[in-house]
Amino acid sequence: MPAATPYGGSDRPGSTRTRGSRPVRAWTTPAHTAAPRRTRVGLAAQFVLQFLYVPLGFLLVICLVALLVWMVSSGGGGGGSSTEVGAPATMLVGLSRAGISWRRLRVEWNGRPEDWEPFTEGLLKDRFARAERKSGWGPAELPPSGVRRAVTGLGRHHYRGLAPTRVEELAERHGWSVDWARSRSVQGELHFFRRIPPPEQAGVPDPYGPPPAPGTPWGPMRCRVVVPLLTLVLAPRMRLLELVRSPRAYGRHLRKYLERRFRAESAHERRRDTYRFDGAGRVLRRVSVRTWHFRGAGAAAVLRVAAEQGWTLDHSFPADPRGTLHLCRLDGGRGRKP
């Protein structure tokens, strides 16, 4: 069976699709052709003039931020709307896109596909690596199954000399695909996605097993003195817990802290813009616990207290007993006693 091409076409020679009432051959659609080359005069003008308008733009952003801060501090701006606060960030993004690097100038100057391919693929590799680390972790994006959908994008100015279908081939080398549904225009920004299964969680102890010994991965962490003393005024209760290093005191703190966090999370309204639902209409409640809440008792103590209330280690995240712990509970779950 021939593979489907962007926007419903087929790779089979001679195949056609319909745009309105006129049939169009699949290989003549814009997705299979590169964007028109820019003139060298325009490229040279942009490269030279950016040293003028980019600094002026940043100066304008600084002035705008200072004006907003003054309006908020004086009470004349009513606290500042989200549009006013977001305007400087939007301008900074526009300025970053308005500039052109020396490498990109050389690629566009020549305009050959063999020059564009390594340039575009290098950008894709960087964006894919960053997206695989950082994107798709939000509760509204991460489904109960834990299969994460990492996403990123690439503007046309970064692949102008290549057809979008060729960019798709470059992405497939790294396990990514083009989201043609989001990429409304094949001559505009291309959106990419990759589904990443949950990581393996090896060495996780039984919540009701013997407590791990100090120094082991899930046991109490090493004692600190200088840091708690220097930051005592910032978080006195937590720093005193670390200085005393009593597992029982940490246990009492964890029970009160987690019970409060679990109750607040369970009270959140189940909305599709806040949670991802599974096929049965269920959501996975998620809570994270920072290291200072269990440092003197060990990460295994968190698993034990959480299990008593029906929560478990979130399978969507790597199990890191020396970092932030991620807990989860499927709606309707029940706890068990040891």
Protein backbone atom coordinates (compact mmCIF):
# COMPACT_ATOMS: atom_id res chain seq x y z
CA MET A 1 0.00 0.00 0.00
CA PRO A 2 1.45 3.41 -0.90
CA ALA A 3 2.38 5.66 1.98
CA ALA A 4 0.24 8.71 2.62
CA THR A 5 1.75 12.07 1.80
CA PRO A 6 1.02 15.34 3.59
CA TYR A 7 -2.56 16.54 3.33
CA GLY A 8 -3.94 13.25 2.07
CA GLY A 9 -1.89 12.65 -1.08
CA SER A 10 -0.16 9.40 -2.04
CA ASP A 11 3.41 8.56 -2.92
CA ARG A 12 2.29 6.40 -5.82
CA PRO A 13 3.18 7.99 -9.20
CA GLY A 14 0.19 9.40 -10.98
CA SER A 15 -1.97 9.60 -7.86
CA THR A 16 -4.08 12.70 -7.41
CA ARG A 17 -6.04 14.44 -4.69
CA THR A 18 -8.64 17.15 -4.87
CA ARG A 19 -8.15 20.77 -3.90
CA GLY A 20 -11.59 22.26 -4.23
CA SER A 21 -12.85 20.97 -7.60
CA ARG A 22 -9.41 20.70 -9.27
CA PRO A 23 -7.32 17.53 -8.98
CA VAL A 24 -3.70 18.12 -8.02
CA ARG A 25 -0.84 15.66 -8.42
CA ALA A 26 0.68 14.79 -5.06
CA TRP A 27 4.30 15.44 -6.08
CA THR A 28 3.47 18.96 -7.30
CA THR A 29 1.98 20.14 -3.99
CA PRO A 30 3.90 22.78 -1.97
CA ALA A 31 4.95 20.12 0.54
CA HIS A 32 7.22 18.60 -2.10
CA THR A 33 8.86 21.85 -3.21
CA ALA A 34 11.23 24.25 -1.46
CA ALA A 35 10.28 27.84 -0.72
CA PRO A 36 11.48 30.54 -3.16
CA ARG A 37 15.04 31.74 -2.59
CA ARG A 38 15.56 35.15 -1.06
CA THR A 39 17.48 37.77 -2.97
CA ARG A 40 21.07 38.37 -1.99
CA VAL A 41 20.35 42.08 -1.65
CA GLY A 42 17.71 41.36 0.96
CA LEU A 43 19.99 38.95 2.81
CA ALA A 44 22.85 41.44 2.91
CA ALA A 45 20.52 44.22 4.06
CA GLN A 46 19.11 42.09 6.87
CA PHE A 47 22.55 41.01 8.05
CA VAL A 48 23.93 44.56 8.13
CA LEU A 49 20.84 46.32 9.48
CA GLN A 50 20.34 43.83 12.32
CA PHE A 51 23.26 45.44 14.15
CA LEU A 52 21.09 48.56 14.27
CA TYR A 53 17.51 47.41 14.82
CA VAL A 54 18.21 44.50 17.19
CA PRO A 55 19.95 46.70 19.86
CA LEU A 56 17.27 49.35 19.43
CA GLY A 57 14.62 46.69 19.87
CA PHE A 58 16.19 45.41 23.08
CA LEU A 59 16.40 48.99 24.36
CA LEU A 60 12.71 49.44 23.59
CA VAL A 61 11.88 46.24 25.49
CA ILE A 62 13.85 47.43 28.53
CA CYS A 63 12.01 50.76 28.46
CA LEU A 64 8.67 48.98 28.17
CA VAL A 65 9.46 46.71 31.13
CA ALA A 66 10.56 49.71 33.20
CA LEU A 67 7.31 51.49 32.31
CA LEU A 68 5.20 48.49 33.33
CA VAL A 69 7.09 48.16 36.63
CA TRP A 70 6.54 51.84 37.34
CA MET A 71 2.82 51.57 36.53
CA VAL A 72 2.39 48.55 38.80
CA SER A 73 4.41 50.05 41.67
CA SER A 74 2.53 53.37 41.46
CA GLY A 75 -0.84 51.64 41.29
CA GLY A 76 -1.77 53.32 38.05
CA GLY A 77 -1.76 50.18 35.95
CA GLY A 78 -4.33 48.22 37.90
CA GLY A 79 -1.83 45.40 38.44
CA GLY A 80 -1.05 45.05 34.74
CA SER A 81 -3.02 42.84 32.37
CA SER A 82 -1.66 39.58 30.96
CA THR A 83 -1.45 41.23 27.55
CA GLU A 84 0.75 44.03 28.90
CA VAL A 85 3.00 41.59 30.76
CA GLY A 86 3.34 39.31 27.75
CA ALA A 87 4.16 42.09 25.28
CA PRO A 88 7.90 42.35 26.16
CA ALA A 89 8.33 38.58 25.89
CA THR A 90 6.63 38.59 22.49
CA MET A 91 8.90 41.38 21.33
CA LEU A 92 12.01 39.49 22.48
CA VAL A 93 10.91 36.41 20.51
CA GLY A 94 10.35 38.59 17.45
CA LEU A 95 13.81 40.14 17.80
CA SER A 96 15.47 36.73 18.07
CA ARG A 97 13.78 35.64 14.87
CA ALA A 98 14.57 38.88 13.04
CA GLY A 99 18.33 38.35 13.29
CA ILE A 100 20.37 36.17 10.96
CA SER A 101 23.56 34.35 11.90
CA TRP A 102 26.67 34.24 9.76
CA ARG A 103 26.22 30.51 9.16
CA ARG A 104 22.63 30.89 8.03
CA LEU A 105 23.62 33.80 5.81
CA ARG A 106 26.16 31.61 4.01
CA VAL A 107 23.61 28.80 3.58
CA GLU A 108 20.93 31.12 2.22
CA TRP A 109 23.47 32.95 0.06
CA ASN A 110 24.36 29.74 -1.77
CA GLY A 111 20.84 28.29 -1.56
CA ARG A 112 21.89 24.75 -2.45
CA PRO A 113 19.94 21.86 -0.84
CA GLU A 114 23.23 20.11 -0.01
CA ASP A 115 24.15 23.16 2.12
CA TRP A 116 20.72 23.41 3.72
CA GLU A 117 20.55 19.75 4.82
CA PRO A 118 23.38 19.75 7.42
CA PHE A 119 22.30 23.19 8.66
CA THR A 120 18.67 22.14 9.14
CA GLU A 121 19.49 18.71 10.54
CA GLY A 122 21.83 20.24 13.11
CA LEU A 123 19.03 22.52 14.31
CA LEU A 124 16.61 19.61 14.41
CA LYS A 125 18.97 17.50 16.52
CA ASP A 126 19.36 20.30 19.08
CA ARG A 127 15.63 20.96 19.26
CA PHE A 128 14.76 17.29 19.44
CA ALA A 129 17.19 16.71 22.31
CA ARG A 130 15.85 19.71 24.23
CA ALA A 131 12.23 18.72 23.60
CA GLU A 132 12.83 15.14 24.72
CA ARG A 133 14.12 16.47 28.03
CA LYS A 134 11.63 19.26 28.68
CA SER A 135 8.40 19.00 26.70
CA GLY A 136 5.26 16.97 27.29
CA TRP A 137 5.57 16.75 31.10
CA GLY A 138 2.54 18.91 31.95
CA PRO A 139 -0.48 17.14 33.55
CA ALA A 140 -2.66 18.33 30.69
CA GLU A 141 -0.22 16.76 28.20
CA LEU A 142 0.87 13.59 29.99
CA PRO A 143 -1.77 10.82 29.86
CA PRO A 144 -2.29 8.22 32.60
CA SER A 145 -0.38 5.67 30.50
CA GLY A 146 2.77 7.78 30.86
CA VAL A 147 3.45 7.76 27.10
CA ARG A 148 4.76 11.27 26.67
CA ARG A 149 4.27 13.28 23.49
CA ALA A 150 7.32 15.49 23.04
CA VAL A 151 6.82 18.39 20.61
CA THR A 152 8.89 21.11 18.98
CA GLY A 153 8.83 23.31 15.89
CA LEU A 154 11.03 24.77 13.17
CA GLY A 155 10.36 28.01 11.30
CA ARG A 156 10.57 28.22 7.51
CA HIS A 157 13.65 30.45 7.67
CA HIS A 158 15.54 27.45 9.05
CA TYR A 159 14.70 25.09 6.17
CA ARG A 160 13.85 27.42 3.28
CA GLY A 161 16.02 25.59 0.76
CA LEU A 162 14.43 22.20 1.47
CA ALA A 163 11.01 20.82 0.69
CA PRO A 164 8.93 20.08 3.82
CA THR A 165 8.82 16.42 2.87
CA ARG A 166 12.63 16.38 2.85
CA VAL A 167 12.62 17.95 6.32
CA GLU A 168 10.28 15.15 7.36
CA GLU A 169 12.84 12.59 6.15
CA LEU A 170 15.55 14.31 8.20
CA ALA A 171 13.30 14.19 11.28
CA GLU A 172 12.53 10.51 10.78
CA ARG A 173 16.24 9.73 11.04
CA HIS A 174 15.98 10.76 14.70
CA GLY A 175 12.65 9.07 15.43
CA TRP A 176 10.47 12.16 15.02
CA SER A 177 7.51 12.88 12.75
CA VAL A 178 5.92 16.00 11.30
CA ASP A 179 2.56 16.90 12.78
CA TRP A 180 0.86 17.82 9.51
CA ALA A 181 -2.41 18.58 11.32
CA ARG A 182 -0.75 21.42 13.26
CA SER A 183 1.47 22.54 10.38
CA ARG A 184 -1.37 24.36 8.66
CA SER A 185 0.83 25.77 5.96
CA VAL A 186 3.51 23.58 4.40
CA GLN A 187 5.46 26.77 3.64
CA GLY A 188 5.34 28.00 7.26
CA GLU A 189 6.50 26.63 10.60
CA LEU A 190 6.70 22.84 10.79
CA HIS A 191 5.62 21.11 14.00
CA PHE A 192 7.19 17.82 15.08
CA PHE A 193 6.25 15.20 17.66
CA ARG A 194 7.57 11.99 19.14
CA ARG A 195 5.85 9.56 21.48
CA ILE A 196 8.20 8.47 24.26
CA PRO A 197 7.26 5.48 26.45
CA PRO A 198 7.68 5.68 30.23
CA PRO A 199 11.23 5.07 31.49
CA GLU A 200 12.15 1.87 33.27
CA GLN A 201 12.18 2.14 37.05
CA ALA A 202 14.72 -0.29 38.42
CA GLY A 203 15.67 -0.73 42.07
CA VAL A 204 12.51 0.81 43.56
CA PRO A 205 12.03 -0.68 47.06
CA ASP A 206 8.81 -2.11 48.46
CA PRO A 207 7.05 0.71 50.36
CA TYR A 208 6.35 -1.70 53.25
CA GLY A 209 9.72 -3.45 53.19
CA PRO A 210 12.62 -2.85 55.59
CA PRO A 211 13.83 0.77 55.52
CA PRO A 212 17.01 1.19 53.43
CA ALA A 213 20.20 1.92 55.34
CA PRO A 214 21.78 5.40 55.31
CA GLY A 215 23.97 5.94 52.28
CA THR A 216 21.96 3.58 50.05
CA PRO A 217 20.04 5.15 47.12
CA TRP A 218 16.60 5.15 48.83
CA GLY A 219 17.87 5.61 52.38
CA PRO A 220 18.59 8.81 54.36
CA MET A 221 20.86 11.24 52.55
CA ARG A 222 24.15 12.52 53.94
CA CYS A 223 24.11 15.02 56.78
CA ARG A 224 24.54 18.71 56.01
CA VAL A 225 25.28 21.43 58.53
CA VAL A 226 26.47 24.54 56.73
CA VAL A 227 23.59 24.83 54.26
CA PRO A 228 20.82 24.45 56.90
CA LEU A 229 22.49 27.02 59.14
CA LEU A 230 22.92 29.56 56.33
CA THR A 231 19.31 29.18 55.16
CA LEU A 232 17.68 28.71 58.56
CA VAL A 233 15.78 32.01 58.39
CA LEU A 234 14.35 31.15 54.96
CA ALA A 235 12.77 27.82 55.92
CA PRO A 236 13.22 27.33 59.68
CA ARG A 237 11.02 24.25 60.05
CA MET A 238 12.65 22.27 57.25
CA ARG A 239 16.17 23.33 58.18
CA LEU A 240 15.64 22.36 61.82
CA LEU A 241 14.41 18.95 60.67
CA GLU A 242 17.61 18.50 58.70
CA LEU A 243 19.79 19.55 61.64
CA VAL A 244 17.97 17.26 64.11
CA ARG A 245 17.91 14.36 61.57
CA SER A 246 15.20 12.40 63.34
CA PRO A 247 13.48 9.85 61.03
CA ARG A 248 10.39 9.95 63.23
CA ALA A 249 10.20 13.75 62.98
CA TYR A 250 10.52 13.49 59.21
CA GLY A 251 7.80 10.82 59.19
CA ARG A 252 5.38 13.07 61.10
CA HIS A 253 6.17 15.94 58.74
CA LEU A 254 5.66 13.77 55.65
CA ARG A 255 2.28 12.52 56.82
CA LYS A 256 0.95 16.02 57.41
CA TYR A 257 2.55 17.47 54.29
CA LEU A 258 1.50 14.71 51.89
CA GLU A 259 -2.01 14.51 53.32
CA ARG A 260 -2.41 18.23 52.64
CA ARG A 261 -0.98 17.95 49.13
CA PHE A 262 -3.07 14.90 48.26
CA ARG A 263 -6.27 16.50 49.54
CA ALA A 264 -5.65 19.67 47.53
CA GLU A 265 -4.87 17.73 44.35
CA SER A 266 -7.92 15.47 44.72
CA ALA A 267 -10.12 18.53 45.09
CA HIS A 268 -9.12 19.94 41.70
CA GLU A 269 -11.84 19.88 39.10
CA ARG A 270 -11.41 17.25 36.40
CA ARG A 271 -11.11 19.38 33.27
CA ARG A 272 -9.64 18.46 29.92
CA ASP A 273 -7.49 21.59 29.83
CA THR A 274 -5.93 20.48 33.15
CA TYR A 275 -5.70 16.68 32.85
CA ARG A 276 -5.36 14.08 30.12
CA PHE A 277 -8.08 11.42 30.26
CA ASP A 278 -7.60 7.75 29.41
CA GLY A 279 -10.00 5.59 27.41
CA ALA A 280 -12.14 4.94 30.51
CA GLY A 281 -12.45 8.66 31.29
CA ARG A 282 -10.06 8.53 34.24
CA VAL A 283 -7.28 10.96 35.12
CA LEU A 284 -4.01 10.49 36.95
CA ARG A 285 -3.57 12.82 39.89
CA ARG A 286 0.07 13.87 40.24
CA VAL A 287 2.07 15.40 43.10
CA SER A 288 5.81 16.12 43.34
CA VAL A 289 7.90 16.10 46.54
CA ARG A 290 11.20 17.98 46.81
CA THR A 291 14.23 16.49 48.57
CA TRP A 292 14.16 18.77 51.62
CA HIS A 293 10.91 17.11 52.74
CA PHE A 294 12.54 13.67 53.13
CA ARG A 295 16.29 14.23 53.23
CA GLY A 296 16.83 12.84 56.73
CA ALA A 297 14.37 9.95 56.30
CA GLY A 298 15.11 8.81 52.74
CA ALA A 299 12.98 8.57 49.62
CA ALA A 300 11.61 5.18 50.77
CA ALA A 301 9.81 6.97 53.61
CA VAL A 302 7.89 9.01 51.05
CA LEU A 303 6.82 5.84 49.21
CA ARG A 304 5.58 4.30 52.47
CA VAL A 305 3.52 7.31 53.56
CA ALA A 306 2.13 7.73 50.03
CA ALA A 307 1.17 4.04 49.75
CA GLU A 308 -0.86 4.25 52.96
CA GLN A 309 -3.03 6.86 51.25
CA GLY A 310 -3.33 5.07 47.90
CA TRP A 311 -0.56 6.90 46.06
CA THR A 312 2.45 5.38 44.36
CA LEU A 313 5.57 6.35 42.46
CA ASP A 314 4.63 7.93 39.13
CA HIS A 315 5.69 5.56 36.35
CA SER A 316 5.90 8.47 33.88
CA PHE A 317 9.09 9.90 35.41
CA PRO A 318 12.54 8.42 36.08
CA ALA A 319 12.88 7.11 39.63
CA ASP A 320 15.40 9.48 41.19
CA PRO A 321 15.71 8.96 44.99
CA ARG A 322 18.18 11.85 45.18
CA GLY A 323 15.96 14.33 43.36
CA THR A 324 12.31 15.32 43.17
CA LEU A 325 9.95 12.38 43.70
CA HIS A 326 6.81 12.18 41.54
CA LEU A 327 3.75 10.48 43.00
CA CYS A 328 0.47 9.59 41.31
CA ARG A 329 -2.94 8.10 41.96
CA LEU A 330 -5.55 7.01 39.45
CA ASP A 331 -8.98 8.35 40.27
CA GLY A 332 -10.79 5.83 42.45
CA GLY A 333 -7.62 4.29 43.93
CA ARG A 334 -7.61 3.07 47.51
CA GLY A 335 -4.85 2.84 50.04
CA ARG A 336 -3.75 -0.25 51.95
CA LYS A 337 -2.23 -0.74 55.36
CA PRO A 338 0.92 -2.76 55.98
